[in-house]
């Protein structure tokens, strides 16, 4: 799968793509820095659940700084000016960002499952220290898997002006490309997705049973009293973040499968759209937190108005 050597996008297209990327960088840095500052300033926001939120925010900041910034410059210049080695780093980091985001969302789903469905195990399995260690473990595990795949396949990353990022290319061999895509999708996409669906499906059923009192003995079975309104709301906020993530990445997933597995021809408009859509996931979370989480929203207002925390 080779790439075209010359950027054939029209000037209006280049301008639109570059403007969207600039907006993405600004929104991502501003929104996620607000999340980090709110977490730092307000001790009440330093809950176990918000450690996952902080982890996602930090990853999005790194993505905006070390990936989208250089992608924007390459889009404006209509070529990759940063050399082969940095393209390898940039491409690897882009894939890592996608997978680690889904991995953290899967961890969050497991947290919500035990908090709502199996609360008798929650205090034993989850503490701030254990949560931080689990996040670090997932980061290191995914980094190791992707790094091993990069060296064992082997694949290289090349700038693709239509996709607007350094895309993984596997020796231009179609069969190896399909095998890599299928393995990558199953291990790093399908498995976390199944975990997320199972956990949030179970959480939804537990909340529904609780709210409608279909099973009055739920309180006794859980041994923890009625479900906490705060934890239920936290679950809804995080579920909204999951839904937003999948909506942003759905075009990228569809295009990737059609091109690499089905060997279909993808219109250039769709090739660029899927990357720009995925980029929205780097700034959509702070908006969700600000809209659905009152404590986070109040802290955002204080930060924007330069007010001191009480």
Foldseek 3Di string as FASTA:
>chain_A
DDADPFQPDDPVVLVVLLVLLVVLLVLLQVLLVLLVVLVVQDVVCVDLLCVLVNVLSVLLNCCSVLASVQLSVCSNVRHRPPDFVSLQVNQLSVVLNLLLNLVSLLVSLVLLLCVQPQVVCNVVCDDNVNSVVVSVVSSVVSSVVSVCCCVVQPWGFCQHNLLSGGHTDRVVDLVSLQVVVVVCCVPRPVVSVVSNCVSLVSNVVSVVCLVVVPPVCSQVVNVPGHRDPVSNLSSVLSVVLVVLQCQLQVLVVVVSCCCRPVVDDDDSVSSHSSNSSNSVSSNVSSVSCLVRPPSSVVSSVCVVVVHRDD
